[in-house]
């Protein structure tokens, strides 16, 4: 690379690092002109980094890779399905927003996440050796997790154990950039706006932190995993509890493959047992009550009757499926689901539910009602063709993970591929309760996977074509 190009790369690589560190920070008032990204600190660094990257002489675009090609097909179909529904899109109007305006904003948001950020990630890591990717990316996430855990500790003391003396430490954080102290009753969100956003961050970094158990020595290697599990427990997020438990279970299955790793798992459970015992001694009644509440929260059938959040969530998903049933082939157009779903909210969801009255059905409230599920949203918006393209996109991702796993001869790359695979599983499941492509961790691991697969395929070709 030329000197000027190296300088540019160093600048946007620094912004890349900052963007990763600030992934979970979204509890502040940002610039309204950034729309959906206005409250997300990480997005500021990523957007600025992408703009700096444009000044580089050569920008790498993996246009020959099947995963990237399938992504482009998905983006194209989102546009085509909207054009096919233009007659209804042009008449849609709700919450001071026309259908055209809604499509433009949603499509730009999709392009920023899936193309701009993806290409920024892909080019930011291009100079990192594949064997070093795990260590470098993981270290950034670890620093971020440590900061979040320190804040989370004080928040747990105040919000869970009601020790008000710790509040002064929390207030001190409000003097830092992108920080706004906001306590939640019986839950924690750390630096995020709400517990669900903390959950997305924890799902994003969980597999990276689990990998310390494999690569490091001594008792300290278990600390990142313990921090993830503790923050997940006290976040109160049922989704995070289920997904991260599953992610950890996949890691345990991997570790059980050989004798040395089996001993690691045994040691981990010994340490967590000691740690949990200490917590019980500290405040046994509160701990037991928290466990009972978490187990109770996982009973979705019973909670549907008296849990407003569940009523809204499942009601929105039901309405989206009704819209899909009426428009099964091409849907109603990208970003248009809310205009049609509002006519199909079930009575069991809206009855005695203040969220619908104050927010979702209130035309004076500018924020659009969430779909709470990317899959039901896309079924309604881009139809069976669009969801088929999405699932092919996912299929190529998993297939590439497994293919690279089998071909790689590097232990470090093998562990990294395990991290990527577990991360993808977490993202795919999390999209069952999150309706946006704005999960930056997904585009990061996608960029890493494509970089790895290109390199491994290249090595395979060299080996195959080398004469004896």
Protein backbone atom coordinates (compact mmCIF):
# COMPACT_ATOMS: atom_id res chain seq x y z
CA UNK A 1 0.00 0.00 0.00
CA UNK A 2 1.14 3.55 -0.68
CA UNK A 3 1.99 5.83 2.25
CA UNK A 4 -1.21 7.90 1.92
CA UNK A 5 -3.31 4.74 1.73
CA UNK A 6 -1.61 3.34 4.85
CA UNK A 7 -2.39 6.54 6.76
CA UNK A 8 -6.02 6.43 5.68
CA UNK A 9 -6.26 2.79 6.71
CA UNK A 10 -4.79 3.56 10.15
CA UNK A 11 -7.34 6.31 10.66
CA UNK A 12 -10.38 4.25 9.78
CA UNK A 13 -9.01 1.19 11.58
CA UNK A 14 -8.89 3.33 14.76
CA UNK A 15 -12.51 4.30 14.12
CA UNK A 16 -13.28 0.61 13.57
CA UNK A 17 -11.86 -0.21 17.02
CA UNK A 18 -13.85 2.59 18.64
CA UNK A 19 -16.99 1.48 16.81
CA UNK A 20 -16.63 -2.04 18.22
CA UNK A 21 -15.95 -0.77 21.73
CA UNK A 22 -19.02 1.48 21.70
CA UNK A 23 -21.39 -1.13 20.20
CA UNK A 24 -23.71 -1.22 23.24
CA UNK A 25 -23.70 2.51 24.08
CA UNK A 26 -27.11 3.83 23.01
CA UNK A 27 -28.45 5.59 26.11
CA UNK A 28 -27.93 9.20 25.05
CA UNK A 29 -29.53 11.88 22.89
CA UNK A 30 -27.87 11.93 19.49
CA UNK A 31 -28.24 13.82 16.23
CA UNK A 32 -31.79 13.51 14.89
CA UNK A 33 -30.59 13.70 11.27
CA UNK A 34 -29.08 10.20 11.69
CA UNK A 35 -32.55 8.71 12.13
CA UNK A 36 -32.45 5.17 13.56
CA UNK A 37 -28.71 5.51 14.22
CA UNK A 38 -28.94 8.75 16.23
CA UNK A 39 -28.70 7.11 19.68
CA UNK A 40 -26.08 4.48 18.83
CA UNK A 41 -22.57 5.60 19.68
CA UNK A 42 -20.90 2.81 17.75
CA UNK A 43 -22.68 3.88 14.56
CA UNK A 44 -21.08 7.35 14.73
CA UNK A 45 -17.58 5.87 14.54
CA UNK A 46 -18.60 3.33 11.90
CA UNK A 47 -20.20 5.95 9.66
CA UNK A 48 -17.22 8.27 10.03
CA UNK A 49 -14.88 5.36 9.38
CA UNK A 50 -16.78 4.41 6.22
CA UNK A 51 -16.49 7.99 4.92
CA UNK A 52 -12.73 8.00 5.60
CA UNK A 53 -12.40 4.62 3.87
CA UNK A 54 -13.84 6.11 0.67
CA UNK A 55 -10.64 8.14 0.29
CA UNK A 56 -8.57 4.98 0.07
CA UNK A 57 -7.22 4.12 -3.37
CA UNK A 58 -8.43 0.52 -3.37
CA UNK A 59 -11.56 -0.67 -1.57
CA UNK A 60 -12.04 -4.43 -1.44
CA UNK A 61 -15.49 -5.73 -2.41
CA UNK A 62 -16.05 -9.52 -2.33
CA UNK A 63 -18.43 -9.41 -5.30
CA UNK A 64 -17.51 -12.95 -6.43
CA UNK A 65 -18.47 -14.57 -3.12
CA UNK A 66 -21.79 -16.43 -3.06
CA UNK A 67 -22.77 -14.97 0.33
CA UNK A 68 -22.26 -11.40 -0.85
CA UNK A 69 -24.09 -12.13 -4.10
CA UNK A 70 -27.08 -13.55 -2.22
CA UNK A 71 -27.09 -10.43 -0.02
CA UNK A 72 -27.26 -8.23 -3.12
CA UNK A 73 -30.17 -10.31 -4.45
CA UNK A 74 -31.99 -9.78 -1.14
CA UNK A 75 -31.43 -6.02 -1.29
CA UNK A 76 -32.62 -5.96 -4.91
CA UNK A 77 -35.78 -7.90 -4.08
CA UNK A 78 -36.62 -5.48 -1.24
CA UNK A 79 -36.63 -2.75 -3.90
CA UNK A 80 -38.51 -4.80 -6.52
CA UNK A 81 -41.24 -5.89 -4.09
CA UNK A 82 -41.84 -2.25 -3.17
CA UNK A 83 -42.08 -1.26 -6.83
CA UNK A 84 -44.59 -4.07 -7.44
CA UNK A 85 -46.69 -2.64 -4.59
CA UNK A 86 -46.25 0.99 -5.64
CA UNK A 87 -50.02 1.62 -5.94
CA UNK A 88 -50.55 0.88 -2.25
CA UNK A 89 -47.20 2.30 -1.07
CA UNK A 90 -48.01 5.72 -2.52
CA UNK A 91 -51.33 5.83 -0.61
CA UNK A 92 -49.99 4.63 2.75
CA UNK A 93 -49.96 7.26 5.50
CA UNK A 94 -49.71 6.93 9.27
CA UNK A 95 -48.01 8.82 12.10
CA UNK A 96 -47.19 11.83 9.89
CA UNK A 97 -45.25 9.55 7.51
CA UNK A 98 -46.07 8.56 3.93
CA UNK A 99 -45.34 5.10 2.54
CA UNK A 100 -42.72 6.49 0.15
CA UNK A 101 -40.96 8.35 2.95
CA UNK A 102 -41.03 5.25 5.15
CA UNK A 103 -39.57 3.07 2.39
CA UNK A 104 -36.74 5.49 1.64
CA UNK A 105 -35.74 5.75 5.31
CA UNK A 106 -35.96 2.01 5.92
CA UNK A 107 -34.09 1.13 2.73
CA UNK A 108 -31.30 3.60 3.48
CA UNK A 109 -31.02 2.10 6.97
CA UNK A 110 -30.78 -1.37 5.40
CA UNK A 111 -28.11 -0.25 2.93
CA UNK A 112 -26.06 1.42 5.67
CA UNK A 113 -26.06 -1.72 7.85
CA UNK A 114 -25.73 -4.41 5.19
CA UNK A 115 -23.43 -2.68 2.70
CA UNK A 116 -21.69 0.35 4.21
CA UNK A 117 -20.89 -1.21 7.57
CA UNK A 118 -20.17 -4.63 6.08
CA UNK A 119 -17.68 -3.19 3.56
CA UNK A 120 -16.17 -1.03 6.29
CA UNK A 121 -15.64 -4.10 8.49
CA UNK A 122 -14.29 -6.11 5.58
CA UNK A 123 -11.72 -3.48 4.65
CA UNK A 124 -10.80 -2.68 8.26
CA UNK A 125 -9.68 -6.26 8.90
CA UNK A 126 -8.06 -6.85 5.50
CA UNK A 127 -4.52 -6.25 6.82
CA UNK A 128 -4.97 -8.46 9.91
CA UNK A 129 -3.59 -11.97 9.57
CA UNK A 130 -6.28 -14.61 9.86
CA UNK A 131 -4.54 -16.23 12.83
CA UNK A 132 -4.58 -12.87 14.65
CA UNK A 133 -8.24 -12.01 14.02
CA UNK A 134 -9.56 -13.89 17.05
CA UNK A 135 -7.12 -12.23 19.47
CA UNK A 136 -7.49 -8.67 18.17
CA UNK A 137 -11.28 -8.54 17.83
CA UNK A 138 -11.80 -10.40 21.09
CA UNK A 139 -9.54 -8.01 23.00
CA UNK A 140 -11.63 -5.01 21.90
CA UNK A 141 -14.81 -6.74 23.05
CA UNK A 142 -13.15 -7.68 26.35
CA UNK A 143 -12.26 -4.06 27.14
CA UNK A 144 -15.82 -3.06 26.34
CA UNK A 145 -17.23 -5.88 28.49
CA UNK A 146 -15.04 -4.92 31.46
CA UNK A 147 -16.29 -1.33 31.32
CA UNK A 148 -19.90 -2.48 31.01
CA UNK A 149 -19.45 -4.94 33.88
CA UNK A 150 -18.08 -2.26 36.21
CA UNK A 151 -21.08 -0.08 35.47
CA UNK A 152 -23.35 -3.13 35.69
CA UNK A 153 -21.98 -4.04 39.14
CA UNK A 154 -23.04 -0.68 40.57
CA UNK A 155 -26.37 -0.94 38.78
CA UNK A 156 -27.00 -4.41 40.26
CA UNK A 157 -26.22 -3.08 43.75
CA UNK A 158 -28.76 -0.26 43.30
CA UNK A 159 -31.52 -1.79 41.14
CA UNK A 160 -31.44 -5.41 42.35
CA UNK A 161 -30.15 -5.28 45.93
CA UNK A 162 -31.36 -1.71 46.71
CA UNK A 163 -28.06 -0.53 48.19
CA UNK A 164 -28.48 3.19 47.53
CA UNK A 165 -24.94 4.07 48.64
CA UNK A 166 -23.66 2.79 45.29
CA UNK A 167 -25.75 5.31 43.37
CA UNK A 168 -23.06 7.98 43.73
CA UNK A 169 -20.71 5.80 41.67
CA UNK A 170 -23.33 5.44 38.96
CA UNK A 171 -23.89 9.18 38.80
CA UNK A 172 -20.18 9.67 38.15
CA UNK A 173 -20.56 7.80 34.85
CA UNK A 174 -22.94 10.49 33.55
CA UNK A 175 -19.93 12.80 33.04
CA UNK A 176 -18.50 10.44 30.41
CA UNK A 177 -19.38 10.66 26.68
CA UNK A 178 -22.42 8.70 25.46
CA UNK A 179 -23.54 8.05 29.04
CA UNK A 180 -26.88 8.81 30.65
CA UNK A 181 -27.69 7.06 33.93
CA UNK A 182 -31.10 5.45 33.66
CA UNK A 183 -32.11 2.83 36.24
CA UNK A 184 -34.61 -0.01 35.64
CA UNK A 185 -36.60 -1.68 38.40
CA UNK A 186 -35.32 -5.20 39.10
CA UNK A 187 -33.32 -5.20 35.85
CA UNK A 188 -30.12 -3.75 34.47
CA UNK A 189 -29.29 -2.27 31.07
CA UNK A 190 -25.76 -1.02 31.85
CA UNK A 191 -24.74 1.53 29.19
CA UNK A 192 -27.64 0.53 26.90
CA UNK A 193 -31.01 2.27 26.78
CA UNK A 194 -33.01 -0.81 27.80
CA UNK A 195 -32.26 -4.42 28.82
CA UNK A 196 -33.12 -5.80 25.32
CA UNK A 197 -30.31 -3.69 23.82
CA UNK A 198 -27.89 -4.94 26.44
CA UNK A 199 -29.05 -8.42 25.49
CA UNK A 200 -28.12 -7.85 21.84
CA UNK A 201 -24.63 -6.80 22.88
CA UNK A 202 -24.22 -9.83 25.16
CA UNK A 203 -25.36 -12.17 22.39
CA UNK A 204 -22.86 -10.46 20.07
CA UNK A 205 -19.80 -10.91 22.31
CA UNK A 206 -20.74 -14.12 24.17
CA UNK A 207 -18.97 -16.61 21.90
CA UNK A 208 -15.87 -14.39 21.77
CA UNK A 209 -15.69 -14.43 25.57
CA UNK A 210 -16.37 -18.18 25.77
CA UNK A 211 -13.34 -18.76 23.55
CA UNK A 212 -11.02 -17.60 26.36
CA UNK A 213 -11.77 -20.92 28.06
CA UNK A 214 -10.12 -22.71 25.12
CA UNK A 215 -7.16 -20.46 24.38
CA UNK A 216 -5.99 -19.15 27.78
CA UNK A 217 -4.51 -20.69 30.91
CA UNK A 218 -5.25 -20.22 34.59
CA UNK A 219 -8.46 -19.33 36.40
CA UNK A 220 -8.72 -15.87 34.81
CA UNK A 221 -9.80 -17.43 31.51
CA UNK A 222 -13.22 -18.15 33.07
CA UNK A 223 -13.86 -14.53 34.13
CA UNK A 224 -15.19 -13.22 30.76
CA UNK A 225 -17.70 -16.10 30.59
CA UNK A 226 -18.82 -15.51 34.18
CA UNK A 227 -19.31 -11.80 33.43
CA UNK A 228 -21.45 -12.64 30.38
CA UNK A 229 -23.61 -15.07 32.36
CA UNK A 230 -24.05 -12.66 35.29
CA UNK A 231 -24.99 -9.70 33.10
CA UNK A 232 -27.39 -11.92 31.15
CA UNK A 233 -29.05 -13.12 34.35
CA UNK A 234 -29.51 -9.65 35.81
CA UNK A 235 -30.55 -8.02 32.52
CA UNK A 236 -33.93 -9.71 32.91
CA UNK A 237 -33.97 -10.48 29.19
CA UNK A 238 -35.61 -13.84 28.57
CA UNK A 239 -34.34 -13.85 25.00
CA UNK A 240 -30.73 -13.33 26.11
CA UNK A 241 -31.11 -15.99 28.79
CA UNK A 242 -32.31 -18.56 26.24
CA UNK A 243 -29.89 -17.67 23.42
CA UNK A 244 -26.74 -17.30 25.50
CA UNK A 245 -27.54 -20.55 27.32
CA UNK A 246 -27.79 -22.22 23.91
CA UNK A 247 -24.57 -20.58 22.72
CA UNK A 248 -22.78 -21.77 25.84
CA UNK A 249 -24.22 -25.27 25.40
CA UNK A 250 -22.77 -25.45 21.87
CA UNK A 251 -19.38 -24.41 23.24
CA UNK A 252 -19.60 -27.06 25.97
CA UNK A 253 -20.34 -29.72 23.34
CA UNK A 254 -17.21 -28.62 21.48
CA UNK A 255 -15.11 -28.73 24.65
CA UNK A 256 -16.31 -32.20 25.53
CA UNK A 257 -14.62 -33.59 22.43
CA UNK A 258 -11.29 -34.15 24.17
CA UNK A 259 -9.94 -34.93 27.63
CA UNK A 260 -8.15 -31.61 28.25
CA UNK A 261 -11.26 -29.58 27.45
CA UNK A 262 -13.46 -31.82 29.58
CA UNK A 263 -11.31 -30.90 32.56
CA UNK A 264 -11.78 -27.22 31.70
CA UNK A 265 -15.55 -27.57 31.82
CA UNK A 266 -15.36 -29.38 35.17
CA UNK A 267 -13.16 -26.59 36.56
CA UNK A 268 -15.53 -23.94 35.21
CA UNK A 269 -18.52 -25.45 36.98
CA UNK A 270 -16.50 -25.75 40.19
CA UNK A 271 -15.63 -22.04 40.03
CA UNK A 272 -19.19 -20.95 39.23
CA UNK A 273 -20.49 -23.10 42.09
CA UNK A 274 -18.11 -21.39 44.53
CA UNK A 275 -19.02 -17.98 43.11
CA UNK A 276 -22.75 -18.70 43.31
CA UNK A 277 -22.35 -19.96 46.87
CA UNK A 278 -20.72 -16.66 47.79
CA UNK A 279 -23.67 -14.78 46.31
CA UNK A 280 -26.08 -16.92 48.30
CA UNK A 281 -24.25 -16.09 51.50
CA UNK A 282 -24.34 -12.40 50.58
CA UNK A 283 -28.09 -12.29 49.95
CA UNK A 284 -29.68 -15.72 49.61
CA UNK A 285 -33.34 -14.64 49.65
CA UNK A 286 -32.82 -12.11 46.87
CA UNK A 287 -30.86 -14.57 44.71
CA UNK A 288 -33.47 -17.31 45.09
CA UNK A 289 -36.25 -14.84 44.32
CA UNK A 290 -34.43 -13.70 41.16
CA UNK A 291 -34.02 -17.30 39.97
CA UNK A 292 -37.70 -18.01 40.56
CA UNK A 293 -38.66 -14.88 38.61
CA UNK A 294 -36.41 -15.86 35.68
CA UNK A 295 -37.91 -19.36 35.53
CA UNK A 296 -41.40 -17.89 35.77
CA UNK A 297 -40.68 -15.43 32.94
CA UNK A 298 -39.85 -18.34 30.60
CA UNK A 299 -43.45 -19.60 30.84
CA UNK A 300 -44.68 -17.67 27.77
CA UNK A 301 -48.09 -19.35 27.72
CA UNK A 302 -49.02 -18.19 31.21
CA UNK A 303 -47.35 -14.79 30.83
CA UNK A 304 -49.38 -14.07 27.70
CA UNK A 305 -52.44 -13.60 29.89
CA UNK A 306 -50.99 -10.97 32.21
CA UNK A 307 -47.77 -9.74 30.58
CA UNK A 308 -48.24 -6.58 28.50
CA UNK A 309 -44.93 -7.07 26.72
CA UNK A 310 -45.81 -10.58 25.57
CA UNK A 311 -49.27 -9.50 24.46
CA UNK A 312 -47.78 -6.73 22.32
CA UNK A 313 -45.01 -8.94 20.93
CA UNK A 314 -47.20 -11.86 19.89
CA UNK A 315 -50.00 -9.55 18.79
CA UNK A 316 -47.67 -7.75 16.38
CA UNK A 317 -46.35 -11.03 15.00
CA UNK A 318 -49.88 -12.35 14.52
CA UNK A 319 -50.92 -9.20 12.65
CA UNK A 320 -47.86 -9.46 10.37
CA UNK A 321 -48.77 -13.06 9.51
CA UNK A 322 -52.29 -11.96 8.59
CA UNK A 323 -50.81 -9.36 6.23
CA UNK A 324 -48.59 -12.07 4.72
CA UNK A 325 -51.60 -14.37 4.22
CA UNK A 326 -53.29 -11.59 2.26
CA UNK A 327 -50.14 -10.80 0.22
CA UNK A 328 -48.15 -14.06 0.09
CA UNK A 329 -46.01 -13.68 -3.04
CA UNK A 330 -44.37 -10.24 -2.95
CA UNK A 331 -45.69 -8.86 0.33
CA UNK A 332 -46.78 -5.24 0.72
CA UNK A 333 -43.41 -3.56 0.10
CA UNK A 334 -40.32 -3.04 2.22
CA UNK A 335 -40.98 -0.87 5.27
CA UNK A 336 -44.78 -0.98 4.75
CA UNK A 337 -45.81 -3.66 7.25
CA UNK A 338 -47.01 -1.26 9.98
CA UNK A 339 -49.50 0.45 7.65
CA UNK A 340 -51.29 -2.85 7.07
CA UNK A 341 -50.74 -4.63 10.40
CA UNK A 342 -52.51 -1.90 12.36
CA UNK A 343 -55.76 -3.09 10.77
CA UNK A 344 -55.26 -6.64 12.06
CA UNK A 345 -54.23 -6.31 15.72
CA UNK A 346 -56.03 -9.13 17.62
CA UNK A 347 -58.35 -8.20 20.47
CA UNK A 348 -56.50 -10.46 22.93
CA UNK A 349 -53.41 -8.29 22.37
CA UNK A 350 -55.02 -4.84 22.49
CA UNK A 351 -57.44 -5.44 25.36
CA UNK A 352 -56.28 -3.60 28.50
CA UNK A 353 -52.92 -2.98 26.82
CA UNK A 354 -51.72 0.59 27.31
CA UNK A 355 -48.88 0.16 24.77
CA UNK A 356 -51.31 -0.01 21.86
CA UNK A 357 -53.36 2.93 23.11
CA UNK A 358 -50.42 5.23 23.89
CA UNK A 359 -47.94 4.20 21.20
CA UNK A 360 -48.87 1.75 18.46
CA UNK A 361 -52.39 2.94 17.54
CA UNK A 362 -51.85 6.56 18.50
CA UNK A 363 -51.47 8.49 15.24
CA UNK A 364 -50.02 11.48 17.12
CA UNK A 365 -47.12 9.43 18.46
CA UNK A 366 -44.46 9.65 15.68
CA UNK A 367 -42.54 6.44 16.47
CA UNK A 368 -43.66 3.49 14.36
CA UNK A 369 -44.83 0.29 16.08
CA UNK A 370 -42.16 -2.43 16.04
CA UNK A 371 -42.80 -5.78 14.38
CA UNK A 372 -40.85 -7.61 17.14
CA UNK A 373 -39.78 -10.30 14.67
CA UNK A 374 -37.68 -9.86 11.53
CA UNK A 375 -39.06 -13.01 9.90
CA UNK A 376 -42.76 -12.18 10.30
CA UNK A 377 -42.00 -8.60 9.28
CA UNK A 378 -40.25 -9.69 6.07
CA UNK A 379 -42.97 -12.23 5.30
CA UNK A 380 -45.45 -9.35 5.36
CA UNK A 381 -43.21 -6.90 3.47
CA UNK A 382 -41.37 -8.94 0.81
CA UNK A 383 -43.43 -12.14 0.76
CA UNK A 384 -42.46 -15.77 0.34
CA UNK A 385 -39.96 -14.93 -2.40
CA UNK A 386 -38.10 -12.50 -0.16
CA UNK A 387 -38.01 -14.82 2.86
CA UNK A 388 -36.75 -17.64 0.61
CA UNK A 389 -33.88 -15.41 -0.54
CA UNK A 390 -33.12 -14.56 3.11
CA UNK A 391 -33.02 -18.23 4.09
CA UNK A 392 -30.72 -19.03 1.13
CA UNK A 393 -28.49 -16.21 2.40
CA UNK A 394 -28.44 -17.86 5.84
CA UNK A 395 -27.87 -21.28 4.28
CA UNK A 396 -24.77 -20.10 2.42
CA UNK A 397 -23.44 -18.59 5.67
CA UNK A 398 -23.78 -21.83 7.65
CA UNK A 399 -22.52 -23.93 4.74
CA UNK A 400 -19.43 -21.70 4.41
CA UNK A 401 -18.77 -21.93 8.18
CA UNK A 402 -18.86 -25.73 8.13
CA UNK A 403 -16.87 -25.96 4.88
CA UNK A 404 -14.09 -23.72 6.22
CA UNK A 405 -14.10 -25.57 9.52
CA UNK A 406 -13.38 -28.83 7.71
CA UNK A 407 -10.69 -27.36 5.46
CA UNK A 408 -8.67 -25.14 7.77
CA UNK A 409 -5.42 -26.51 9.15
CA UNK A 410 -4.99 -23.69 11.67
CA UNK A 411 -6.16 -24.27 15.26
CA UNK A 412 -6.64 -20.52 15.77
CA UNK A 413 -8.80 -20.27 12.67
CA UNK A 414 -10.75 -23.35 13.76
CA UNK A 415 -11.58 -21.68 17.09
CA UNK A 416 -12.47 -18.44 15.30
CA UNK A 417 -14.85 -20.35 13.01
CA UNK A 418 -16.47 -21.86 16.10
CA UNK A 419 -16.92 -18.33 17.48
CA UNK A 420 -18.47 -17.19 14.19
CA UNK A 421 -20.78 -20.20 13.96
CA UNK A 422 -22.07 -19.76 17.52
CA UNK A 423 -22.51 -16.02 16.90
CA UNK A 424 -24.57 -16.64 13.75
CA UNK A 425 -26.84 -19.07 15.61
CA UNK A 426 -27.41 -16.41 18.26
CA UNK A 427 -28.23 -13.72 15.69
CA UNK A 428 -30.61 -15.95 13.74
CA UNK A 429 -32.58 -16.78 16.88
CA UNK A 430 -32.49 -13.21 18.19
CA UNK A 431 -34.16 -12.01 14.99
CA UNK A 432 -37.23 -13.90 16.18
CA UNK A 433 -37.80 -11.03 18.61
CA UNK A 434 -35.93 -8.15 16.91
CA UNK A 435 -37.17 -6.71 13.62
CA UNK A 436 -34.20 -4.78 12.21
CA UNK A 437 -31.02 -5.62 10.29
CA UNK A 438 -29.30 -3.07 12.55
CA UNK A 439 -27.32 -5.70 14.47
CA UNK A 440 -23.76 -4.60 13.75
CA UNK A 441 -22.20 -7.73 15.23
CA UNK A 442 -23.82 -9.82 12.50
CA UNK A 443 -22.20 -7.81 9.70
CA UNK A 444 -18.86 -7.95 11.51
CA UNK A 445 -18.80 -11.75 11.79
CA UNK A 446 -20.07 -11.99 8.20
CA UNK A 447 -17.11 -9.89 7.01
CA UNK A 448 -14.71 -12.09 9.02
CA UNK A 449 -16.26 -15.29 7.62
CA UNK A 450 -15.95 -14.12 4.01
CA UNK A 451 -12.35 -13.03 4.57
CA UNK A 452 -11.52 -16.42 6.11
CA UNK A 453 -13.30 -18.40 3.41
CA UNK A 454 -11.53 -16.54 0.58
CA UNK A 455 -8.15 -17.19 2.23
CA UNK A 456 -8.86 -20.87 2.98
CA UNK A 457 -10.18 -21.46 -0.53
CA UNK A 458 -7.10 -19.78 -1.98
CA UNK A 459 -4.80 -21.99 0.11
CA UNK A 460 -6.76 -25.06 -0.98
CA UNK A 461 -6.36 -24.13 -4.65
CA UNK A 462 -2.62 -23.61 -4.26
CA UNK A 463 -2.24 -27.00 -2.57
CA UNK A 464 -4.37 -28.72 -5.22
CA UNK A 465 -2.54 -27.11 -8.15
CA UNK A 466 0.97 -27.62 -6.78
CA UNK A 467 2.76 -30.27 -8.91
CA UNK A 468 4.28 -33.25 -7.12
